[in-house]
């Protein structure tokens, strides 16, 4: 809803003032901040959109109490992402809870930490050509999975969860990420009842990845982990995922 409203605001009368009031966990920790507003097409994720910053983002964590459990877990996919790429202490904190009910006692701090990471990255790179690419950890596979299932089987956060685990495993096989890192991520996402495998052949996913808007001159910028809390960009082509037959 925030993306759709933002896209309309960016284009109607060449731009009208926008306030984002996110009510889902995923929107509160990620999509309401940073100015990306876009809609999906059958051919791919977020292919029509703009960069359009809201005048204000107003977050009330009490709205999370109205969500079905699946969409709490969905948002945790993005929360875990931030721990993986930039904040090991956040990752460890998420791992220390038994469930979301325990985590909710600290929800203000967790939302604030996620937004802080995103704000710092976006301020350095508003248009997604440098540091902002780091926020796409797991997303290259996630968007392909979402598109493959016509946005019906997996929510965005669920697909990101699969993407983080599977991409890290692929990087481990190639010696680009320390062994055992994907298992650490797998254990945390499973704690929040998120999936870790989509059971789609890599050849099918490559068809969707070929349409990724960040697939420039047949090169993709994969976000890999040096370790939990530290990431880097690894340019490669679609053959990068060929070391596994299924994701």
C-alpha atoms as a PDB file:
ATOM      1  CA  UNK A   1       0.000   0.000   0.000  1.00  0.00           C
ATOM      2  CA  UNK A   2       2.827   2.404   0.855  1.00  0.00           C
ATOM      3  CA  UNK A   3       4.575   1.671  -2.441  1.00  0.00           C
ATOM      4  CA  UNK A   4       1.382   2.130  -4.442  1.00  0.00           C
ATOM      5  CA  UNK A   5       0.434   5.375  -2.659  1.00  0.00           C
ATOM      6  CA  UNK A   6       4.011   6.618  -3.016  1.00  0.00           C
ATOM      7  CA  UNK A   7       4.080   5.863  -6.737  1.00  0.00           C
ATOM      8  CA  UNK A   8       0.791   7.709  -7.245  1.00  0.00           C
ATOM      9  CA  UNK A   9       2.071  10.651  -5.170  1.00  0.00           C
ATOM     10  CA  UNK A  10       5.258  10.794  -7.245  1.00  0.00           C
ATOM     11  CA  UNK A  11       3.391  10.924 -10.549  1.00  0.00           C
ATOM     12  CA  UNK A  12       0.035  12.637  -9.923  1.00  0.00           C
ATOM     13  CA  UNK A  13       0.326  16.343 -10.868  1.00  0.00           C
ATOM     14  CA  UNK A  14       4.077  15.625 -11.221  1.00  0.00           C
ATOM     15  CA  UNK A  15       4.304  15.074  -7.485  1.00  0.00           C
ATOM     16  CA  UNK A  16       2.138  15.744  -4.431  1.00  0.00           C
ATOM     17  CA  UNK A  17       3.186  15.762  -0.788  1.00  0.00           C
ATOM     18  CA  UNK A  18       3.405  12.327   0.814  1.00  0.00           C
ATOM     19  CA  UNK A  19       3.338  11.037   4.384  1.00  0.00           C
ATOM     20  CA  UNK A  20       4.001   7.353   4.984  1.00  0.00           C
ATOM     21  CA  UNK A  21       2.212   5.723   7.939  1.00  0.00           C
ATOM     22  CA  UNK A  22       3.386   2.092   7.754  1.00  0.00           C
ATOM     23  CA  UNK A  23       1.328  -0.447   9.680  1.00  0.00           C
ATOM     24  CA  UNK A  24       3.146  -3.679   8.800  1.00  0.00           C
ATOM     25  CA  UNK A  25       6.485  -4.725  10.270  1.00  0.00           C
ATOM     26  CA  UNK A  26       8.130  -4.959   6.849  1.00  0.00           C
ATOM     27  CA  UNK A  27       7.043  -1.424   5.974  1.00  0.00           C
ATOM     28  CA  UNK A  28       8.065  -0.044   9.377  1.00  0.00           C
ATOM     29  CA  UNK A  29      11.601  -1.417   9.277  1.00  0.00           C
ATOM     30  CA  UNK A  30      12.265  -1.060   5.559  1.00  0.00           C
ATOM     31  CA  UNK A  31       9.995  -0.016   2.715  1.00  0.00           C
ATOM     32  CA  UNK A  32       8.552   3.219   4.182  1.00  0.00           C
ATOM     33  CA  UNK A  33      12.041   4.753   4.422  1.00  0.00           C
ATOM     34  CA  UNK A  34      14.375   5.543   1.543  1.00  0.00           C
ATOM     35  CA  UNK A  35      12.074   6.881  -1.136  1.00  0.00           C
ATOM     36  CA  UNK A  36      11.669   3.831  -3.375  1.00  0.00           C
ATOM     37  CA  UNK A  37       8.077   3.620  -4.608  1.00  0.00           C
ATOM     38  CA  UNK A  38       7.198   1.059  -7.273  1.00  0.00           C
ATOM     39  CA  UNK A  39       4.707  -1.548  -8.435  1.00  0.00           C
ATOM     40  CA  UNK A  40       5.231  -5.055  -9.768  1.00  0.00           C
ATOM     41  CA  UNK A  41       4.621  -6.302 -13.293  1.00  0.00           C
ATOM     42  CA  UNK A  42       4.098  -9.915 -14.381  1.00  0.00           C
ATOM     43  CA  UNK A  43       7.600  -9.715 -15.887  1.00  0.00           C
ATOM     44  CA  UNK A  44       9.343  -8.675 -12.680  1.00  0.00           C
ATOM     45  CA  UNK A  45       9.418  -7.010  -9.297  1.00  0.00           C
ATOM     46  CA  UNK A  46       9.215  -3.208  -8.921  1.00  0.00           C
ATOM     47  CA  UNK A  47       9.717  -2.562 -12.640  1.00  0.00           C
ATOM     48  CA  UNK A  48       7.586   0.606 -12.688  1.00  0.00           C
ATOM     49  CA  UNK A  49       8.360   3.213 -10.074  1.00  0.00           C
ATOM     50  CA  UNK A  50      10.247   6.255  -8.882  1.00  0.00           C
ATOM     51  CA  UNK A  51      12.462   7.634  -6.135  1.00  0.00           C
ATOM     52  CA  UNK A  52      10.163   9.897  -4.113  1.00  0.00           C
ATOM     53  CA  UNK A  53      10.800  10.680  -0.452  1.00  0.00           C
ATOM     54  CA  UNK A  54       7.935  11.245   1.979  1.00  0.00           C
ATOM     55  CA  UNK A  55       7.777  14.442   4.006  1.00  0.00           C
ATOM     56  CA  UNK A  56       7.404  12.329   7.125  1.00  0.00           C
ATOM     57  CA  UNK A  57       7.266   8.692   8.214  1.00  0.00           C
ATOM     58  CA  UNK A  58       5.033   8.065  11.225  1.00  0.00           C
ATOM     59  CA  UNK A  59       5.454   4.656  12.874  1.00  0.00           C
ATOM     60  CA  UNK A  60       3.255   3.282  15.640  1.00  0.00           C
ATOM     61  CA  UNK A  61       4.342  -0.235  16.697  1.00  0.00           C
ATOM     62  CA  UNK A  62       0.920  -0.798  18.251  1.00  0.00           C
ATOM     63  CA  UNK A  63      -0.404  -1.423  14.740  1.00  0.00           C
ATOM     64  CA  UNK A  64       1.652  -4.625  14.667  1.00  0.00           C
ATOM     65  CA  UNK A  65      -0.778  -6.135  17.168  1.00  0.00           C
ATOM     66  CA  UNK A  66      -3.418  -6.141  14.418  1.00  0.00           C
ATOM     67  CA  UNK A  67      -1.372  -8.262  11.991  1.00  0.00           C
ATOM     68  CA  UNK A  68      -1.843 -11.951  11.203  1.00  0.00           C
ATOM     69  CA  UNK A  69       1.144 -13.961  12.420  1.00  0.00           C
ATOM     70  CA  UNK A  70       2.358 -14.626   8.877  1.00  0.00           C
ATOM     71  CA  UNK A  71       2.934 -10.925   8.280  1.00  0.00           C
ATOM     72  CA  UNK A  72       4.834 -10.490  11.522  1.00  0.00           C
ATOM     73  CA  UNK A  73       7.143 -13.252  10.338  1.00  0.00           C
ATOM     74  CA  UNK A  74       7.263 -11.630   6.885  1.00  0.00           C
ATOM     75  CA  UNK A  75       8.668  -8.429   8.362  1.00  0.00           C
ATOM     76  CA  UNK A  76      11.244 -10.367  10.341  1.00  0.00           C
ATOM     77  CA  UNK A  77      12.844 -11.351   7.015  1.00  0.00           C
ATOM     78  CA  UNK A  78      13.933  -7.733   6.534  1.00  0.00           C
ATOM     79  CA  UNK A  79      14.864  -7.275  10.214  1.00  0.00           C
ATOM     80  CA  UNK A  80      17.189 -10.279  10.033  1.00  0.00           C
ATOM     81  CA  UNK A  81      18.651  -8.889   6.805  1.00  0.00           C
ATOM     82  CA  UNK A  82      19.838  -5.771   8.610  1.00  0.00           C
ATOM     83  CA  UNK A  83      21.570  -7.859  11.246  1.00  0.00           C
ATOM     84  CA  UNK A  84      23.264  -9.927   8.552  1.00  0.00           C
ATOM     85  CA  UNK A  85      24.649  -7.028   6.538  1.00  0.00           C
ATOM     86  CA  UNK A  86      25.489  -4.357   9.095  1.00  0.00           C
ATOM     87  CA  UNK A  87      24.865  -5.227  12.744  1.00  0.00           C
ATOM     88  CA  UNK A  88      26.028  -8.482  14.304  1.00  0.00           C
ATOM     89  CA  UNK A  89      24.813  -7.381  17.731  1.00  0.00           C
ATOM     90  CA  UNK A  90      21.307  -6.983  16.274  1.00  0.00           C
ATOM     91  CA  UNK A  91      21.577 -10.436  14.687  1.00  0.00           C
ATOM     92  CA  UNK A  92      22.620 -11.920  18.050  1.00  0.00           C
ATOM     93  CA  UNK A  93      19.793 -10.078  19.783  1.00  0.00           C
ATOM     94  CA  UNK A  94      17.235 -11.532  17.367  1.00  0.00           C
ATOM     95  CA  UNK A  95      18.696 -14.965  18.022  1.00  0.00           C
ATOM     96  CA  UNK A  96      18.360 -14.502  21.786  1.00  0.00           C
ATOM     97  CA  UNK A  97      14.555 -14.357  21.760  1.00  0.00           C
ATOM     98  CA  UNK A  98      12.427 -17.477  21.756  1.00  0.00           C
ATOM     99  CA  UNK A  99       9.649 -15.867  19.693  1.00  0.00           C
ATOM    100  CA  UNK A 100       8.247 -12.565  18.432  1.00  0.00           C
ATOM    101  CA  UNK A 101       6.226 -12.079  21.620  1.00  0.00           C
ATOM    102  CA  UNK A 102       9.490 -11.745  23.542  1.00  0.00           C
ATOM    103  CA  UNK A 103      11.019  -9.561  20.817  1.00  0.00           C
ATOM    104  CA  UNK A 104       8.027  -7.187  20.915  1.00  0.00           C
ATOM    105  CA  UNK A 105       9.127  -5.972  24.353  1.00  0.00           C
ATOM    106  CA  UNK A 106      12.061  -4.305  22.532  1.00  0.00           C
ATOM    107  CA  UNK A 107      10.267  -3.505  19.272  1.00  0.00           C
ATOM    108  CA  UNK A 108      10.882   0.269  19.394  1.00  0.00           C
ATOM    109  CA  UNK A 109      14.640  -0.241  19.619  1.00  0.00           C
ATOM    110  CA  UNK A 110      14.669  -2.887  16.875  1.00  0.00           C
ATOM    111  CA  UNK A 111      12.658  -0.764  14.430  1.00  0.00           C
ATOM    112  CA  UNK A 112      14.868   2.234  15.200  1.00  0.00           C
ATOM    113  CA  UNK A 113      18.068   0.259  14.600  1.00  0.00           C
ATOM    114  CA  UNK A 114      16.841  -1.036  11.238  1.00  0.00           C
ATOM    115  CA  UNK A 115      15.756   2.421  10.092  1.00  0.00           C
ATOM    116  CA  UNK A 116      19.065   3.877  11.291  1.00  0.00           C
ATOM    117  CA  UNK A 117      21.018   1.462   9.110  1.00  0.00           C
ATOM    118  CA  UNK A 118      18.853   2.185   6.081  1.00  0.00           C
ATOM    119  CA  UNK A 119      18.982   5.953   6.607  1.00  0.00           C
ATOM    120  CA  UNK A 120      22.782   5.958   6.790  1.00  0.00           C
ATOM    121  CA  UNK A 121      23.079   3.895   3.605  1.00  0.00           C
ATOM    122  CA  UNK A 122      20.501   5.892   1.619  1.00  0.00           C
ATOM    123  CA  UNK A 123      22.069   9.210   2.599  1.00  0.00           C
ATOM    124  CA  UNK A 124      25.301   8.029   0.967  1.00  0.00           C
ATOM    125  CA  UNK A 125      23.634   6.547  -2.114  1.00  0.00           C
ATOM    126  CA  UNK A 126      20.100   7.661  -2.898  1.00  0.00           C
ATOM    127  CA  UNK A 127      19.779   6.082  -6.349  1.00  0.00           C
ATOM    128  CA  UNK A 128      21.055   2.550  -5.784  1.00  0.00           C
ATOM    129  CA  UNK A 129      24.362   2.523  -7.648  1.00  0.00           C
ATOM    130  CA  UNK A 130      26.779   2.086  -4.733  1.00  0.00           C
ATOM    131  CA  UNK A 131      26.349   1.402  -1.012  1.00  0.00           C
ATOM    132  CA  UNK A 132      22.553   1.134  -1.303  1.00  0.00           C
ATOM    133  CA  UNK A 133      22.988  -2.094  -3.248  1.00  0.00           C
ATOM    134  CA  UNK A 134      24.038  -3.666   0.073  1.00  0.00           C
ATOM    135  CA  UNK A 135      20.400  -3.441   1.200  1.00  0.00           C
ATOM    136  CA  UNK A 136      19.562  -5.993  -1.502  1.00  0.00           C
ATOM    137  CA  UNK A 137      21.080  -8.929   0.386  1.00  0.00           C
ATOM    138  CA  UNK A 138      18.967 -11.948  -0.569  1.00  0.00           C
ATOM    139  CA  UNK A 139      16.792  -9.848  -2.869  1.00  0.00           C
ATOM    140  CA  UNK A 140      18.169 -10.953  -6.247  1.00  0.00           C
ATOM    141  CA  UNK A 141      16.924 -14.476  -5.586  1.00  0.00           C
ATOM    142  CA  UNK A 142      13.899 -13.249  -3.647  1.00  0.00           C
ATOM    143  CA  UNK A 143      12.521 -11.157  -6.491  1.00  0.00           C
ATOM    144  CA  UNK A 144      13.006 -14.044  -8.919  1.00  0.00           C
ATOM    145  CA  UNK A 145      11.173 -16.409  -6.555  1.00  0.00           C
ATOM    146  CA  UNK A 146       8.291 -13.965  -6.119  1.00  0.00           C
ATOM    147  CA  UNK A 147       7.993 -13.472  -9.883  1.00  0.00           C
ATOM    148  CA  UNK A 148       8.227 -17.200 -10.600  1.00  0.00           C
ATOM    149  CA  UNK A 149       5.224 -17.833  -8.351  1.00  0.00           C
ATOM    150  CA  UNK A 150       3.349 -14.782  -9.737  1.00  0.00           C
ATOM    151  CA  UNK A 151       3.559 -13.055  -6.307  1.00  0.00           C
ATOM    152  CA  UNK A 152       1.078 -15.580  -4.911  1.00  0.00           C
ATOM    153  CA  UNK A 153       3.021 -18.217  -2.949  1.00  0.00           C
ATOM    154  CA  UNK A 154       5.619 -16.258  -0.979  1.00  0.00           C
ATOM    155  CA  UNK A 155       5.392 -12.807   0.545  1.00  0.00           C
ATOM    156  CA  UNK A 156       8.377 -10.506   0.087  1.00  0.00           C
ATOM    157  CA  UNK A 157       9.868 -11.204   3.510  1.00  0.00           C
ATOM    158  CA  UNK A 158       9.470 -14.949   3.042  1.00  0.00           C
ATOM    159  CA  UNK A 159      11.241 -14.772  -0.312  1.00  0.00           C
ATOM    160  CA  UNK A 160      14.032 -12.648   1.203  1.00  0.00           C
ATOM    161  CA  UNK A 161      14.489 -15.285   3.888  1.00  0.00           C
ATOM    162  CA  UNK A 162      14.950 -17.975   1.246  1.00  0.00           C
ATOM    163  CA  UNK A 163      17.236 -15.702  -0.764  1.00  0.00           C
ATOM    164  CA  UNK A 164      19.529 -14.935   2.182  1.00  0.00           C
ATOM    165  CA  UNK A 165      19.971 -18.572   3.162  1.00  0.00           C
ATOM    166  CA  UNK A 166      20.380 -19.935  -0.347  1.00  0.00           C
ATOM    167  CA  UNK A 167      22.653 -17.195  -1.693  1.00  0.00           C
ATOM    168  CA  UNK A 168      24.912 -17.502   1.342  1.00  0.00           C
ATOM    169  CA  UNK A 169      25.097 -21.264   0.843  1.00  0.00           C
ATOM    170  CA  UNK A 170      26.015 -20.732  -2.824  1.00  0.00           C
ATOM    171  CA  UNK A 171      28.729 -18.267  -1.749  1.00  0.00           C
ATOM    172  CA  UNK A 172      30.064 -20.789   0.779  1.00  0.00           C
ATOM    173  CA  UNK A 173      30.431 -23.455  -1.915  1.00  0.00           C
ATOM    174  CA  UNK A 174      32.548 -21.011  -3.926  1.00  0.00           C
ATOM    175  CA  UNK A 175      34.700 -19.969  -0.989  1.00  0.00           C
ATOM    176  CA  UNK A 176      33.308 -16.433  -0.925  1.00  0.00           C
ATOM    177  CA  UNK A 177      31.657 -16.660   2.506  1.00  0.00           C
ATOM    178  CA  UNK A 178      32.893 -18.636   5.551  1.00  0.00           C
ATOM    179  CA  UNK A 179      31.465 -22.141   5.918  1.00  0.00           C
ATOM    180  CA  UNK A 180      28.555 -22.370   8.342  1.00  0.00           C
ATOM    181  CA  UNK A 181      27.268 -18.823   7.790  1.00  0.00           C
ATOM    182  CA  UNK A 182      24.160 -19.986   5.930  1.00  0.00           C
ATOM    183  CA  UNK A 183      23.372 -22.350   8.809  1.00  0.00           C
ATOM    184  CA  UNK A 184      23.496 -19.442  11.281  1.00  0.00           C
ATOM    185  CA  UNK A 185      21.006 -17.502   9.142  1.00  0.00           C
ATOM    186  CA  UNK A 186      18.848 -20.600   8.665  1.00  0.00           C
ATOM    187  CA  UNK A 187      18.543 -21.126  12.415  1.00  0.00           C
ATOM    188  CA  UNK A 188      17.401 -17.539  13.017  1.00  0.00           C
ATOM    189  CA  UNK A 189      14.865 -17.355  10.178  1.00  0.00           C
ATOM    190  CA  UNK A 190      13.381 -20.708  11.211  1.00  0.00           C
ATOM    191  CA  UNK A 191      12.938 -19.332  14.733  1.00  0.00           C
ATOM    192  CA  UNK A 192      10.548 -16.795  13.207  1.00  0.00           C
ATOM    193  CA  UNK A 193       8.851 -19.480  11.087  1.00  0.00           C
ATOM    194  CA  UNK A 194      10.263 -18.256   7.791  1.00  0.00           C
ATOM    195  CA  UNK A 195      11.017 -20.597   4.850  1.00  0.00           C
ATOM    196  CA  UNK A 196      14.551 -21.414   3.727  1.00  0.00           C
ATOM    197  CA  UNK A 197      13.984 -23.149   0.396  1.00  0.00           C
ATOM    198  CA  UNK A 198      11.607 -22.566  -2.534  1.00  0.00           C
ATOM    199  CA  UNK A 199      12.210 -25.858  -4.410  1.00  0.00           C
ATOM    200  CA  UNK A 200      12.602 -24.111  -7.768  1.00  0.00           C
ATOM    201  CA  UNK A 201      15.247 -25.128 -10.294  1.00  0.00           C
ATOM    202  CA  UNK A 202      18.069 -22.642 -10.783  1.00  0.00           C
ATOM    203  CA  UNK A 203      17.413 -22.678 -14.531  1.00  0.00           C
ATOM    204  CA  UNK A 204      13.851 -21.443 -13.976  1.00  0.00           C
ATOM    205  CA  UNK A 205      14.994 -18.737 -11.575  1.00  0.00           C
ATOM    206  CA  UNK A 206      17.647 -17.531 -14.008  1.00  0.00           C
ATOM    207  CA  UNK A 207      14.879 -16.668 -16.483  1.00  0.00           C
ATOM    208  CA  UNK A 208      13.352 -14.334 -13.910  1.00  0.00           C
ATOM    209  CA  UNK A 209      16.723 -12.964 -12.820  1.00  0.00           C
ATOM    210  CA  UNK A 210      17.507 -12.031 -16.432  1.00  0.00           C
ATOM    211  CA  UNK A 211      14.663  -9.472 -16.197  1.00  0.00           C
ATOM    212  CA  UNK A 212      15.939  -7.967 -12.925  1.00  0.00           C
ATOM    213  CA  UNK A 213      16.206  -4.185 -13.304  1.00  0.00           C
ATOM    214  CA  UNK A 214      19.698  -4.368 -11.786  1.00  0.00           C
ATOM    215  CA  UNK A 215      20.858  -6.845 -14.440  1.00  0.00           C
ATOM    216  CA  UNK A 216      23.060  -4.357 -16.305  1.00  0.00           C
ATOM    217  CA  UNK A 217      25.090  -5.620 -19.293  1.00  0.00           C
ATOM    218  CA  UNK A 218      24.407  -9.204 -18.156  1.00  0.00           C
ATOM    219  CA  UNK A 219      25.999  -8.478 -14.762  1.00  0.00           C
ATOM    220  CA  UNK A 220      24.315  -8.633 -11.372  1.00  0.00           C
ATOM    221  CA  UNK A 221      25.615  -7.235  -8.101  1.00  0.00           C
ATOM    222  CA  UNK A 222      25.293 -10.084  -5.592  1.00  0.00           C
ATOM    223  CA  UNK A 223      25.493  -9.064  -1.937  1.00  0.00           C
ATOM    224  CA  UNK A 224      27.588 -11.590  -0.006  1.00  0.00           C
ATOM    225  CA  UNK A 225      28.712 -11.824   3.610  1.00  0.00           C
ATOM    226  CA  UNK A 226      32.286 -11.660   4.850  1.00  0.00           C
ATOM    227  CA  UNK A 227      30.715 -12.753   8.117  1.00  0.00           C
ATOM    228  CA  UNK A 228      27.529 -11.955  10.002  1.00  0.00           C
ATOM    229  CA  UNK A 229      27.404  -8.150  10.221  1.00  0.00           C
ATOM    230  CA  UNK A 230      29.766  -7.477   7.297  1.00  0.00           C
ATOM    231  CA  UNK A 231      28.878  -7.644   3.620  1.00  0.00           C
ATOM    232  CA  UNK A 232      30.292  -6.798   0.213  1.00  0.00           C
ATOM    233  CA  UNK A 233      29.208  -6.608  -3.414  1.00  0.00           C
ATOM    234  CA  UNK A 234      30.306  -9.376  -5.765  1.00  0.00           C
ATOM    235  CA  UNK A 235      29.649  -8.684  -9.465  1.00  0.00           C
ATOM    236  CA  UNK A 236      28.892 -11.805 -11.487  1.00  0.00           C
ATOM    237  CA  UNK A 237      26.492 -13.146 -14.101  1.00  0.00           C
ATOM    238  CA  UNK A 238      23.589 -15.576 -13.927  1.00  0.00           C
ATOM    239  CA  UNK A 239      25.933 -18.579 -13.883  1.00  0.00           C
ATOM    240  CA  UNK A 240      26.864 -17.664 -10.297  1.00  0.00           C
ATOM    241  CA  UNK A 241      23.996 -19.813  -8.990  1.00  0.00           C
ATOM    242  CA  UNK A 242      24.749 -22.826 -11.200  1.00  0.00           C
ATOM    243  CA  UNK A 243      26.635 -24.570  -8.368  1.00  0.00           C
ATOM    244  CA  UNK A 244      23.249 -25.771  -7.095  1.00  0.00           C
ATOM    245  CA  UNK A 245      20.414 -27.346  -9.078  1.00  0.00           C
ATOM    246  CA  UNK A 246      17.568 -26.103  -6.901  1.00  0.00           C
ATOM    247  CA  UNK A 247      16.950 -23.159  -4.615  1.00  0.00           C
END
